[in-house]
Amino acid sequence: MEVDLCFVMDCTGSMGEYIEGAKDAIEKVVEYMAKLEPAIKIRVGFCGYRDHCDNPIRLQVFDFTYSCEEFKNYLSNVPATGGGGDGPEDVLGGLNAAVTKMTWRNTTRVLLHIGDYPPHGHQFDNPEDDYPDGDPYGLTEEQVLREMRSAEIHYFFGKITEYTDTMIKVFQSIIGEFPVFDIMSTPDPEGLVEKFFDAACSAINSAITLRE
């Protein structure tokens, strides 16, 4: 069995330790899944997003690879920067890029989204929002999430702050319940790596179970 695992991550200034956590966890994930089920082969990919003021690095896409080293090398050069003066980020742009610009091909498709703020739009209860009417390019959460579902991509979320609570409810109203993992920061960097490891392995196992 082959699995596509895509990390979709907020890469603004507050997210440096989380980018490192994903980079340091991926080899452990692949090794663990190989021991658990030798027939499982994992391709890993990455889509980073920031905010609309952060062009030309608003979105960064690294397509799927079987090589953990290539994945880690790429993430080593992804800066945690930008984000503008408001809270919300270009979440919908990041998810849309992951769905439409990545070469999903395996039957088990896992998207693990990690972020600390919701998309733009008043429906997400953002107290400060430079785009209260939503995505300036016209993307909507319904459009992006339904396209994700049509592509048979399983969505999982890594929660860092309570600011995403309304986003989780809105997303679940569109695509139904999905697992939410605790990825909140820990004083020990290794503890954060373990949280990434647990979330990724749980997401893969859940997606495999849903395919059976």
N, C-alpha and C. Protein backbone atom coordinates (compact mmCIF):
# COMPACT_ATOMS: atom_id res chain seq x y z
N MET A 1 0.84 -1.19 0.00
CA MET A 1 0.00 0.00 0.00
C MET A 1 0.88 1.25 0.00
N GLU A 2 0.48 2.22 -0.80
CA GLU A 2 1.24 3.47 -0.86
C GLU A 2 0.37 4.63 -0.38
N VAL A 3 1.02 5.55 0.32
CA VAL A 3 0.32 6.67 0.97
C VAL A 3 0.94 7.98 0.52
N ASP A 4 0.09 8.95 0.20
CA ASP A 4 0.53 10.33 -0.01
C ASP A 4 0.25 11.10 1.28
N LEU A 5 1.29 11.68 1.87
CA LEU A 5 1.16 12.47 3.10
C LEU A 5 1.64 13.88 2.83
N CYS A 6 0.72 14.84 2.90
CA CYS A 6 1.07 16.24 2.65
C CYS A 6 0.89 17.06 3.93
N PHE A 7 1.95 17.74 4.34
CA PHE A 7 1.86 18.70 5.43
C PHE A 7 1.50 20.06 4.83
N VAL A 8 0.41 20.65 5.31
CA VAL A 8 0.05 22.01 4.92
C VAL A 8 0.24 22.87 6.16
N MET A 9 1.14 23.86 6.06
CA MET A 9 1.52 24.59 7.27
C MET A 9 1.54 26.09 7.07
N ASP A 10 1.04 26.78 8.08
CA ASP A 10 1.26 28.22 8.22
C ASP A 10 2.77 28.42 8.41
N CYS A 11 3.36 29.28 7.58
CA CYS A 11 4.81 29.52 7.67
C CYS A 11 5.12 30.97 8.01
N THR A 12 4.21 31.61 8.75
CA THR A 12 4.46 32.99 9.17
C THR A 12 5.42 33.01 10.36
N GLY A 13 5.70 34.21 10.84
CA GLY A 13 6.78 34.41 11.80
C GLY A 13 6.71 33.60 13.07
N SER A 14 5.51 33.22 13.51
CA SER A 14 5.37 32.51 14.78
C SER A 14 5.57 31.00 14.65
N MET A 15 5.84 30.51 13.44
CA MET A 15 5.74 29.07 13.19
C MET A 15 7.07 28.35 13.02
N GLY A 16 8.18 29.01 13.35
CA GLY A 16 9.49 28.40 13.13
C GLY A 16 9.66 27.05 13.79
N GLU A 17 9.27 26.93 15.06
CA GLU A 17 9.47 25.67 15.77
C GLU A 17 8.61 24.55 15.19
N TYR A 18 7.47 24.92 14.58
CA TYR A 18 6.59 23.90 14.01
C TYR A 18 7.13 23.38 12.68
N ILE A 19 7.75 24.26 11.91
CA ILE A 19 8.41 23.82 10.68
C ILE A 19 9.53 22.84 11.04
N GLU A 20 10.30 23.18 12.07
CA GLU A 20 11.36 22.28 12.53
C GLU A 20 10.78 20.96 13.03
N GLY A 21 9.65 21.04 13.72
CA GLY A 21 9.02 19.83 14.24
C GLY A 21 8.63 18.88 13.14
N ALA A 22 8.04 19.42 12.06
CA ALA A 22 7.66 18.57 10.93
C ALA A 22 8.88 17.96 10.28
N LYS A 23 9.92 18.76 10.11
CA LYS A 23 11.15 18.27 9.48
C LYS A 23 11.77 17.14 10.29
N ASP A 24 11.82 17.31 11.61
CA ASP A 24 12.48 16.33 12.46
C ASP A 24 11.64 15.08 12.69
N ALA A 25 10.33 15.18 12.47
CA ALA A 25 9.45 14.04 12.74
C ALA A 25 9.31 13.09 11.56
N ILE A 26 9.52 13.59 10.34
CA ILE A 26 9.10 12.81 9.18
C ILE A 26 9.85 11.48 9.05
N GLU A 27 11.14 11.47 9.34
CA GLU A 27 11.89 10.22 9.22
C GLU A 27 11.38 9.19 10.22
N LYS A 28 11.06 9.65 11.42
CA LYS A 28 10.51 8.74 12.43
C LYS A 28 9.17 8.17 11.98
N VAL A 29 8.36 9.00 11.34
CA VAL A 29 7.06 8.54 10.85
C VAL A 29 7.24 7.44 9.82
N VAL A 30 8.10 7.68 8.85
CA VAL A 30 8.30 6.71 7.77
C VAL A 30 8.87 5.40 8.33
N GLU A 31 9.84 5.51 9.22
CA GLU A 31 10.44 4.31 9.81
C GLU A 31 9.43 3.52 10.64
N TYR A 32 8.62 4.24 11.42
CA TYR A 32 7.63 3.57 12.26
C TYR A 32 6.59 2.84 11.41
N MET A 33 6.08 3.53 10.38
CA MET A 33 5.06 2.90 9.54
C MET A 33 5.62 1.70 8.79
N ALA A 34 6.89 1.76 8.42
CA ALA A 34 7.52 0.63 7.72
C ALA A 34 7.63 -0.58 8.64
N LYS A 35 7.92 -0.33 9.92
CA LYS A 35 8.00 -1.44 10.88
C LYS A 35 6.60 -2.00 11.18
N LEU A 36 5.64 -1.09 11.27
CA LEU A 36 4.27 -1.51 11.58
C LEU A 36 3.68 -2.33 10.44
N GLU A 37 3.93 -1.87 9.22
CA GLU A 37 3.41 -2.56 8.04
C GLU A 37 4.40 -2.35 6.89
N PRO A 38 5.29 -3.33 6.68
CA PRO A 38 6.35 -3.18 5.68
C PRO A 38 5.85 -2.87 4.28
N ALA A 39 4.60 -3.21 4.00
CA ALA A 39 4.07 -2.98 2.65
C ALA A 39 3.73 -1.51 2.40
N ILE A 40 3.69 -0.71 3.46
CA ILE A 40 3.32 0.70 3.31
C ILE A 40 4.52 1.52 2.83
N LYS A 41 4.33 2.23 1.74
CA LYS A 41 5.33 3.16 1.23
C LYS A 41 4.73 4.56 1.27
N ILE A 42 5.49 5.52 1.78
CA ILE A 42 4.96 6.86 1.99
C ILE A 42 5.68 7.89 1.13
N ARG A 43 4.90 8.64 0.37
CA ARG A 43 5.43 9.83 -0.30
C ARG A 43 5.05 11.04 0.55
N VAL A 44 6.00 11.92 0.79
CA VAL A 44 5.73 13.09 1.62
C VAL A 44 5.87 14.36 0.79
N GLY A 45 5.01 15.33 1.09
CA GLY A 45 5.05 16.61 0.40
C GLY A 45 4.71 17.73 1.37
N PHE A 46 4.82 18.94 0.89
CA PHE A 46 4.66 20.10 1.78
C PHE A 46 4.05 21.26 1.01
N CYS A 47 3.13 21.95 1.66
CA CYS A 47 2.61 23.20 1.13
C CYS A 47 2.57 24.21 2.26
N GLY A 48 3.37 25.25 2.14
CA GLY A 48 3.40 26.31 3.14
C GLY A 48 2.63 27.52 2.66
N TYR A 49 1.96 28.19 3.58
CA TYR A 49 1.23 29.41 3.23
C TYR A 49 1.54 30.51 4.23
N ARG A 50 1.39 31.73 3.77
CA ARG A 50 1.56 32.90 4.64
C ARG A 50 0.31 33.77 4.48
N ASP A 51 0.48 35.04 4.09
CA ASP A 51 -0.70 35.88 3.91
C ASP A 51 -0.58 36.63 2.59
N HIS A 52 -1.64 37.33 2.23
CA HIS A 52 -1.72 37.94 0.91
C HIS A 52 -0.70 39.05 0.71
N CYS A 53 -0.16 39.57 1.79
CA CYS A 53 0.85 40.62 1.68
C CYS A 53 2.25 40.05 1.48
N ASP A 54 2.38 38.73 1.45
CA ASP A 54 3.70 38.10 1.48
C ASP A 54 4.19 37.58 0.14
N ASN A 55 3.59 38.00 -0.97
CA ASN A 55 4.13 37.61 -2.26
C ASN A 55 5.57 38.10 -2.38
N PRO A 56 6.47 37.36 -3.03
CA PRO A 56 6.23 36.17 -3.85
C PRO A 56 6.33 34.84 -3.09
N ILE A 57 6.42 34.89 -1.76
CA ILE A 57 6.52 33.63 -1.01
C ILE A 57 5.24 33.36 -0.21
N ARG A 58 4.13 33.86 -0.73
CA ARG A 58 2.84 33.61 -0.06
C ARG A 58 2.57 32.12 0.03
N LEU A 59 2.88 31.40 -1.04
CA LEU A 59 2.69 29.95 -1.08
C LEU A 59 4.00 29.28 -1.48
N GLN A 60 4.34 28.19 -0.83
CA GLN A 60 5.51 27.39 -1.19
C GLN A 60 5.10 25.93 -1.27
N VAL A 61 5.30 25.33 -2.43
CA VAL A 61 4.85 23.96 -2.67
C VAL A 61 6.05 23.07 -2.98
N PHE A 62 6.14 21.97 -2.25
CA PHE A 62 7.15 20.95 -2.49
C PHE A 62 6.41 19.65 -2.79
N ASP A 63 6.50 19.19 -4.03
CA ASP A 63 5.71 18.04 -4.45
C ASP A 63 6.21 16.75 -3.80
N PHE A 64 5.39 15.72 -3.90
CA PHE A 64 5.65 14.47 -3.19
C PHE A 64 6.97 13.82 -3.59
N THR A 65 7.60 13.22 -2.59
CA THR A 65 8.83 12.47 -2.80
C THR A 65 8.86 11.30 -1.82
N TYR A 66 9.57 10.25 -2.21
CA TYR A 66 9.81 9.15 -1.28
C TYR A 66 11.01 9.44 -0.38
N SER A 67 11.75 10.48 -0.68
CA SER A 67 13.00 10.76 0.02
C SER A 67 12.78 11.67 1.23
N CYS A 68 13.02 11.14 2.41
CA CYS A 68 12.94 11.97 3.62
C CYS A 68 14.00 13.07 3.59
N GLU A 69 15.16 12.75 3.04
CA GLU A 69 16.24 13.74 2.99
C GLU A 69 15.85 14.94 2.13
N GLU A 70 15.23 14.68 0.99
CA GLU A 70 14.78 15.79 0.13
C GLU A 70 13.75 16.65 0.86
N PHE A 71 12.84 15.99 1.55
CA PHE A 71 11.81 16.70 2.31
C PHE A 71 12.45 17.57 3.40
N LYS A 72 13.36 16.99 4.16
CA LYS A 72 14.01 17.73 5.24
C LYS A 72 14.86 18.88 4.71
N ASN A 73 15.56 18.64 3.62
CA ASN A 73 16.38 19.70 3.03
C ASN A 73 15.52 20.87 2.57
N TYR A 74 14.37 20.55 2.00
CA TYR A 74 13.48 21.62 1.55
C TYR A 74 12.99 22.44 2.74
N LEU A 75 12.53 21.75 3.79
CA LEU A 75 12.00 22.47 4.95
C LEU A 75 13.09 23.28 5.66
N SER A 76 14.33 22.85 5.54
CA SER A 76 15.43 23.62 6.14
C SER A 76 15.55 25.00 5.53
N ASN A 77 15.02 25.18 4.33
CA ASN A 77 15.12 26.45 3.63
C ASN A 77 13.78 27.19 3.55
N VAL A 78 12.81 26.74 4.34
CA VAL A 78 11.51 27.43 4.40
C VAL A 78 11.55 28.41 5.57
N PRO A 79 11.52 29.71 5.31
CA PRO A 79 11.59 30.67 6.41
C PRO A 79 10.24 30.87 7.09
N ALA A 80 10.27 31.05 8.40
CA ALA A 80 9.07 31.45 9.14
C ALA A 80 9.07 32.97 9.16
N THR A 81 8.28 33.56 8.27
CA THR A 81 8.33 35.01 8.11
C THR A 81 7.01 35.52 7.56
N GLY A 82 6.78 36.82 7.73
CA GLY A 82 5.59 37.45 7.15
C GLY A 82 4.36 37.25 8.00
N GLY A 83 3.21 37.49 7.37
CA GLY A 83 1.93 37.30 8.04
C GLY A 83 1.11 38.57 8.19
N GLY A 84 1.71 39.72 7.95
CA GLY A 84 0.93 40.96 8.03
C GLY A 84 0.61 41.36 9.45
N GLY A 85 -0.26 42.36 9.60
CA GLY A 85 -0.56 42.90 10.91
C GLY A 85 -1.81 42.33 11.56
N ASP A 86 -2.61 41.57 10.80
CA ASP A 86 -3.82 40.99 11.38
C ASP A 86 -3.56 39.53 11.74
N GLY A 87 -4.56 38.87 12.31
CA GLY A 87 -4.40 37.48 12.73
C GLY A 87 -4.55 36.47 11.61
N PRO A 88 -5.63 36.54 10.83
CA PRO A 88 -5.89 35.50 9.82
C PRO A 88 -4.78 35.40 8.77
N GLU A 89 -4.68 34.22 8.19
CA GLU A 89 -3.69 33.97 7.14
C GLU A 89 -4.38 33.40 5.90
N ASP A 90 -3.59 33.17 4.87
CA ASP A 90 -4.15 32.65 3.61
C ASP A 90 -4.31 31.13 3.69
N VAL A 91 -5.12 30.70 4.63
CA VAL A 91 -5.36 29.27 4.84
C VAL A 91 -5.98 28.64 3.59
N LEU A 92 -6.98 29.30 3.03
CA LEU A 92 -7.67 28.72 1.87
C LEU A 92 -6.73 28.62 0.67
N GLY A 93 -5.86 29.60 0.49
CA GLY A 93 -4.88 29.53 -0.59
C GLY A 93 -3.94 28.36 -0.41
N GLY A 94 -3.53 28.12 0.84
CA GLY A 94 -2.64 27.00 1.12
C GLY A 94 -3.30 25.66 0.87
N LEU A 95 -4.53 25.51 1.36
CA LEU A 95 -5.24 24.25 1.15
C LEU A 95 -5.54 24.03 -0.33
N ASN A 96 -5.93 25.10 -1.01
CA ASN A 96 -6.23 24.98 -2.43
C ASN A 96 -4.99 24.57 -3.23
N ALA A 97 -3.84 25.16 -2.88
CA ALA A 97 -2.60 24.79 -3.57
C ALA A 97 -2.25 23.33 -3.32
N ALA A 98 -2.46 22.88 -2.09
CA ALA A 98 -2.16 21.47 -1.77
C ALA A 98 -3.04 20.53 -2.58
N VAL A 99 -4.30 20.89 -2.74
CA VAL A 99 -5.24 20.02 -3.47
C VAL A 99 -4.97 20.04 -4.97
N THR A 100 -4.67 21.22 -5.51
CA THR A 100 -4.63 21.37 -6.97
C THR A 100 -3.22 21.35 -7.58
N LYS A 101 -2.20 21.64 -6.79
CA LYS A 101 -0.85 21.73 -7.35
C LYS A 101 0.05 20.54 -7.00
N MET A 102 -0.39 19.71 -6.06
CA MET A 102 0.36 18.51 -5.71
C MET A 102 -0.08 17.35 -6.61
N THR A 103 0.85 16.44 -6.90
CA THR A 103 0.52 15.31 -7.77
C THR A 103 0.07 14.11 -6.92
N TRP A 104 -1.15 14.22 -6.39
CA TRP A 104 -1.74 13.11 -5.64
C TRP A 104 -1.95 11.94 -6.58
N ARG A 105 -1.48 10.76 -6.20
CA ARG A 105 -1.68 9.61 -7.08
C ARG A 105 -1.97 8.31 -6.33
N ASN A 106 -1.61 8.25 -5.05
CA ASN A 106 -1.86 7.01 -4.31
C ASN A 106 -3.28 6.97 -3.77
N THR A 107 -3.76 5.77 -3.51
CA THR A 107 -5.16 5.63 -3.11
C THR A 107 -5.43 6.17 -1.71
N THR A 108 -4.43 6.13 -0.82
CA THR A 108 -4.58 6.70 0.52
C THR A 108 -3.93 8.07 0.54
N ARG A 109 -4.75 9.09 0.73
CA ARG A 109 -4.29 10.48 0.61
C ARG A 109 -4.57 11.22 1.91
N VAL A 110 -3.50 11.70 2.53
CA VAL A 110 -3.58 12.32 3.85
C VAL A 110 -3.08 13.75 3.78
N LEU A 111 -3.91 14.68 4.23
CA LEU A 111 -3.50 16.08 4.33
C LEU A 111 -3.56 16.46 5.80
N LEU A 112 -2.40 16.77 6.37
CA LEU A 112 -2.29 17.18 7.77
C LEU A 112 -2.00 18.68 7.80
N HIS A 113 -3.00 19.44 8.23
CA HIS A 113 -2.94 20.90 8.24
C HIS A 113 -2.57 21.38 9.64
N ILE A 114 -1.54 22.21 9.74
CA ILE A 114 -1.11 22.76 11.02
C ILE A 114 -1.08 24.28 10.92
N GLY A 115 -1.81 24.94 11.80
CA GLY A 115 -1.83 26.40 11.77
C GLY A 115 -2.37 26.98 13.06
N ASP A 116 -2.03 28.25 13.31
CA ASP A 116 -2.47 28.86 14.57
C ASP A 116 -3.54 29.93 14.38
N TYR A 117 -3.89 30.25 13.12
CA TYR A 117 -4.95 31.22 12.86
C TYR A 117 -5.83 30.73 11.72
N PRO A 118 -7.07 31.22 11.66
CA PRO A 118 -8.02 30.78 10.64
C PRO A 118 -7.85 31.55 9.33
N PRO A 119 -8.67 31.23 8.34
CA PRO A 119 -8.68 32.02 7.10
C PRO A 119 -9.29 33.40 7.34
N HIS A 120 -9.17 34.23 6.33
CA HIS A 120 -9.85 35.53 6.35
C HIS A 120 -11.36 35.33 6.19
N GLY A 121 -12.13 36.25 6.79
CA GLY A 121 -13.58 36.21 6.63
C GLY A 121 -14.29 36.34 7.97
N HIS A 122 -15.37 37.11 7.98
CA HIS A 122 -16.09 37.37 9.24
C HIS A 122 -16.68 36.10 9.84
N GLN A 123 -16.92 35.07 9.01
CA GLN A 123 -17.52 33.83 9.52
C GLN A 123 -16.59 33.08 10.46
N PHE A 124 -15.31 33.48 10.49
CA PHE A 124 -14.35 32.80 11.36
C PHE A 124 -14.10 33.57 12.66
N ASP A 125 -14.95 34.57 12.93
CA ASP A 125 -14.89 35.33 14.19
C ASP A 125 -13.54 36.00 14.41
N ASN A 126 -13.00 36.59 13.36
CA ASN A 126 -11.71 37.27 13.48
C ASN A 126 -11.90 38.70 13.98
N PRO A 127 -11.33 39.04 15.13
CA PRO A 127 -11.50 40.41 15.65
C PRO A 127 -10.79 41.45 14.80
N GLU A 128 -9.65 41.08 14.21
CA GLU A 128 -8.92 41.97 13.32
C GLU A 128 -8.67 41.22 12.02
N ASP A 129 -9.17 41.78 10.92
CA ASP A 129 -9.08 41.08 9.65
C ASP A 129 -8.99 42.09 8.52
N ASP A 130 -7.89 42.06 7.78
CA ASP A 130 -7.72 42.97 6.65
C ASP A 130 -8.64 42.61 5.48
N TYR A 131 -9.18 41.39 5.50
CA TYR A 131 -10.09 40.94 4.43
C TYR A 131 -11.34 40.33 5.06
N PRO A 132 -12.18 41.15 5.71
CA PRO A 132 -13.34 40.60 6.42
C PRO A 132 -14.37 39.95 5.49
N ASP A 133 -14.33 40.28 4.20
CA ASP A 133 -15.26 39.67 3.25
C ASP A 133 -14.74 38.34 2.71
N GLY A 134 -13.57 37.93 3.18
CA GLY A 134 -13.03 36.65 2.76
C GLY A 134 -11.88 36.77 1.79
N ASP A 135 -11.53 35.65 1.19
CA ASP A 135 -10.37 35.56 0.31
C ASP A 135 -10.47 36.56 -0.85
N PRO A 136 -9.44 37.40 -1.04
CA PRO A 136 -9.51 38.41 -2.11
C PRO A 136 -9.48 37.82 -3.51
N TYR A 137 -9.08 36.54 -3.63
CA TYR A 137 -9.08 35.88 -4.94
C TYR A 137 -10.37 35.11 -5.20
N GLY A 138 -11.30 35.18 -4.26
CA GLY A 138 -12.60 34.56 -4.46
C GLY A 138 -12.72 33.13 -3.99
N LEU A 139 -11.68 32.58 -3.38
CA LEU A 139 -11.79 31.22 -2.85
C LEU A 139 -12.75 31.20 -1.67
N THR A 140 -13.50 30.12 -1.56
CA THR A 140 -14.37 29.92 -0.40
C THR A 140 -14.02 28.59 0.25
N GLU A 141 -14.34 28.48 1.53
CA GLU A 141 -14.07 27.23 2.23
C GLU A 141 -14.90 26.09 1.64
N GLU A 142 -16.12 26.38 1.21
CA GLU A 142 -16.94 25.33 0.60
C GLU A 142 -16.29 24.79 -0.67
N GLN A 143 -15.82 25.70 -1.51
CA GLN A 143 -15.19 25.30 -2.77
C GLN A 143 -13.94 24.45 -2.52
N VAL A 144 -13.07 24.93 -1.64
CA VAL A 144 -11.79 24.25 -1.41
C VAL A 144 -12.00 22.89 -0.76
N LEU A 145 -12.85 22.84 0.26
CA LEU A 145 -13.03 21.59 0.99
C LEU A 145 -13.79 20.55 0.17
N ARG A 146 -14.73 21.00 -0.64
CA ARG A 146 -15.45 20.04 -1.48
C ARG A 146 -14.57 19.49 -2.59
N GLU A 147 -13.67 20.33 -3.10
CA GLU A 147 -12.72 19.82 -4.09
C GLU A 147 -11.76 18.82 -3.44
N MET A 148 -11.39 19.09 -2.20
CA MET A 148 -10.55 18.16 -1.46
C MET A 148 -11.26 16.82 -1.30
N ARG A 149 -12.52 16.88 -0.94
CA ARG A 149 -13.29 15.65 -0.77
C ARG A 149 -13.44 14.92 -2.10
N SER A 150 -13.68 15.65 -3.17
CA SER A 150 -13.83 15.03 -4.49
C SER A 150 -12.55 14.30 -4.90
N ALA A 151 -11.41 14.83 -4.46
CA ALA A 151 -10.13 14.20 -4.77
C ALA A 151 -9.80 13.06 -3.80
N GLU A 152 -10.73 12.76 -2.89
CA GLU A 152 -10.58 11.68 -1.91
C GLU A 152 -9.35 11.88 -1.02
N ILE A 153 -9.14 13.14 -0.64
CA ILE A 153 -8.06 13.50 0.27
C ILE A 153 -8.65 13.61 1.68
N HIS A 154 -8.06 12.91 2.63
CA HIS A 154 -8.53 12.93 4.01
C HIS A 154 -7.87 14.09 4.76
N TYR A 155 -8.71 14.93 5.37
CA TYR A 155 -8.24 16.14 6.05
C TYR A 155 -8.12 15.90 7.55
N PHE A 156 -6.98 16.32 8.10
CA PHE A 156 -6.72 16.27 9.54
C PHE A 156 -6.14 17.62 9.95
N PHE A 157 -6.43 18.02 11.19
CA PHE A 157 -5.96 19.34 11.62
C PHE A 157 -5.14 19.23 12.90
N GLY A 158 -4.00 19.94 12.92
CA GLY A 158 -3.18 20.06 14.11
C GLY A 158 -3.41 21.41 14.75
N LYS A 159 -4.03 21.41 15.91
CA LYS A 159 -4.44 22.65 16.58
C LYS A 159 -3.33 23.19 17.46
N ILE A 160 -3.05 24.49 17.30
CA ILE A 160 -2.02 25.15 18.09
C ILE A 160 -2.62 26.14 19.08
N THR A 161 -3.68 26.85 18.65
CA THR A 161 -4.32 27.86 19.51
C THR A 161 -5.84 27.74 19.42
N GLU A 162 -6.50 28.42 20.34
CA GLU A 162 -7.97 28.43 20.33
C GLU A 162 -8.53 29.32 19.22
N TYR A 163 -7.67 30.10 18.57
CA TYR A 163 -8.15 30.98 17.50
C TYR A 163 -8.72 30.20 16.31
N THR A 164 -8.39 28.93 16.22
CA THR A 164 -8.90 28.12 15.11
C THR A 164 -10.17 27.35 15.46
N ASP A 165 -10.72 27.56 16.66
CA ASP A 165 -11.88 26.77 17.08
C ASP A 165 -13.08 26.98 16.15
N THR A 166 -13.35 28.23 15.79
CA THR A 166 -14.48 28.49 14.89
C THR A 166 -14.21 27.91 13.51
N MET A 167 -12.98 28.02 13.04
CA MET A 167 -12.62 27.43 11.75
C MET A 167 -12.91 25.93 11.73
N ILE A 168 -12.54 25.25 12.81
CA ILE A 168 -12.79 23.81 12.88
C ILE A 168 -14.28 23.52 12.75
N LYS A 169 -15.10 24.30 13.44
CA LYS A 169 -16.56 24.09 13.37
C LYS A 169 -17.09 24.35 11.97
N VAL A 170 -16.60 25.42 11.34
CA VAL A 170 -17.05 25.75 9.98
C VAL A 170 -16.65 24.64 9.01
N PHE A 171 -15.40 24.20 9.11
CA PHE A 171 -14.93 23.14 8.22
C PHE A 171 -15.73 21.85 8.43
N GLN A 172 -16.01 21.52 9.69
CA GLN A 172 -16.75 20.29 9.97
C GLN A 172 -18.19 20.37 9.48
N SER A 173 -18.74 21.58 9.42
CA SER A 173 -20.10 21.73 8.89
C SER A 173 -20.14 21.46 7.39
N ILE A 174 -18.99 21.52 6.74
CA ILE A 174 -18.91 21.30 5.29
C ILE A 174 -18.55 19.86 4.95
N ILE A 175 -17.53 19.32 5.63
CA ILE A 175 -17.04 17.98 5.26
C ILE A 175 -17.27 16.94 6.35
N GLY A 176 -17.94 17.32 7.42
CA GLY A 176 -18.18 16.36 8.50
C GLY A 176 -17.03 16.32 9.49
N GLU A 177 -17.17 15.46 10.48
CA GLU A 177 -16.16 15.37 11.53
C GLU A 177 -14.81 14.92 10.98
N PHE A 178 -13.75 15.46 11.55
CA PHE A 178 -12.39 15.02 11.23
C PHE A 178 -11.56 15.12 12.50
N PRO A 179 -10.51 14.30 12.61
CA PRO A 179 -9.68 14.34 13.82
C PRO A 179 -8.93 15.67 13.96
N VAL A 180 -8.85 16.14 15.18
CA VAL A 180 -8.09 17.34 15.52
C VAL A 180 -7.03 16.94 16.54
N PHE A 181 -5.77 17.18 16.21
CA PHE A 181 -4.66 16.77 17.07
C PHE A 181 -4.10 17.97 17.83
N ASP A 182 -3.65 17.72 19.03
CA ASP A 182 -3.00 18.75 19.84
C ASP A 182 -1.56 18.90 19.40
N ILE A 183 -1.24 20.06 18.79
CA ILE A 183 0.14 20.34 18.38
C ILE A 183 0.65 21.56 19.12
N MET A 184 0.05 21.87 20.26
CA MET A 184 0.47 23.05 21.01
C MET A 184 1.92 22.92 21.45
N SER A 185 2.59 24.04 21.50
CA SER A 185 4.03 24.07 21.78
C SER A 185 4.34 23.47 23.15
N THR A 186 5.53 22.88 23.24
CA THR A 186 6.03 22.36 24.50
C THR A 186 7.40 22.98 24.77
N PRO A 187 7.80 23.08 26.05
CA PRO A 187 9.13 23.65 26.34
C PRO A 187 10.26 22.84 25.74
N ASP A 188 10.02 21.55 25.56
CA ASP A 188 11.04 20.65 25.04
C ASP A 188 10.82 20.44 23.54
N PRO A 189 11.78 20.82 22.68
CA PRO A 189 11.61 20.63 21.23
C PRO A 189 11.30 19.19 20.86
N GLU A 190 11.88 18.23 21.58
CA GLU A 190 11.62 16.84 21.28
C GLU A 190 10.16 16.48 21.55
N GLY A 191 9.56 17.16 22.52
CA GLY A 191 8.15 16.94 22.80
C GLY A 191 7.28 17.35 21.63
N LEU A 192 7.65 18.44 20.96
CA LEU A 192 6.90 18.89 19.79
C LEU A 192 7.07 17.91 18.63
N VAL A 193 8.28 17.39 18.47
CA VAL A 193 8.52 16.37 17.44
C VAL A 193 7.62 15.16 17.68
N GLU A 194 7.51 14.76 18.94
CA GLU A 194 6.66 13.62 19.28
C GLU A 194 5.20 13.90 18.94
N LYS A 195 4.76 15.14 19.14
CA LYS A 195 3.38 15.49 18.79
C LYS A 195 3.16 15.38 17.29
N PHE A 196 4.13 15.84 16.50
CA PHE A 196 4.03 15.69 15.05
C PHE A 196 4.02 14.22 14.66
N PHE A 197 4.89 13.46 15.29
CA PHE A 197 4.97 12.03 15.01
C PHE A 197 3.63 11.35 15.29
N ASP A 198 3.07 11.62 16.47
CA ASP A 198 1.80 10.99 16.85
C ASP A 198 0.68 11.40 15.89
N ALA A 199 0.63 12.69 15.56
CA ALA A 199 -0.43 13.18 14.68
C ALA A 199 -0.33 12.56 13.29
N ALA A 200 0.88 12.53 12.74
CA ALA A 200 1.06 12.00 11.38
C ALA A 200 0.73 10.51 11.33
N CYS A 201 1.22 9.75 12.30
CA CYS A 201 0.96 8.31 12.31
C CYS A 201 -0.53 8.03 12.51
N SER A 202 -1.16 8.78 13.40
CA SER A 202 -2.60 8.59 13.62
C SER A 202 -3.40 8.94 12.37
N ALA A 203 -2.99 10.01 11.69
CA ALA A 203 -3.69 10.41 10.47
C ALA A 203 -3.57 9.34 9.39
N ILE A 204 -2.37 8.80 9.22
CA ILE A 204 -2.15 7.75 8.21
C ILE A 204 -2.99 6.52 8.54
N ASN A 205 -2.93 6.09 9.79
CA ASN A 205 -3.69 4.90 10.19
C ASN A 205 -5.19 5.11 10.02
N SER A 206 -5.68 6.30 10.36
CA SER A 206 -7.10 6.59 10.20
C SER A 206 -7.51 6.56 8.74
N ALA A 207 -6.67 7.16 7.89
CA ALA A 207 -6.99 7.20 6.45
C ALA A 207 -6.98 5.80 5.85
N ILE A 208 -6.03 4.97 6.27
CA ILE A 208 -5.98 3.59 5.78
C ILE A 208 -7.23 2.84 6.20
N THR A 209 -7.65 3.02 7.45
CA THR A 209 -8.85 2.36 7.95
C THR A 209 -10.08 2.78 7.16
N LEU A 210 -10.17 4.07 6.84
CA LEU A 210 -11.31 4.57 6.08
C LEU A 210 -11.34 4.01 4.66
N ARG A 211 -10.17 3.66 4.12
CA ARG A 211 -10.10 3.11 2.77
C ARG A 211 -10.52 1.65 2.73
N GLU A 212 -10.44 0.98 3.86
CA GLU A 212 -10.70 -0.47 3.88
C GLU A 212 -12.20 -0.77 3.85
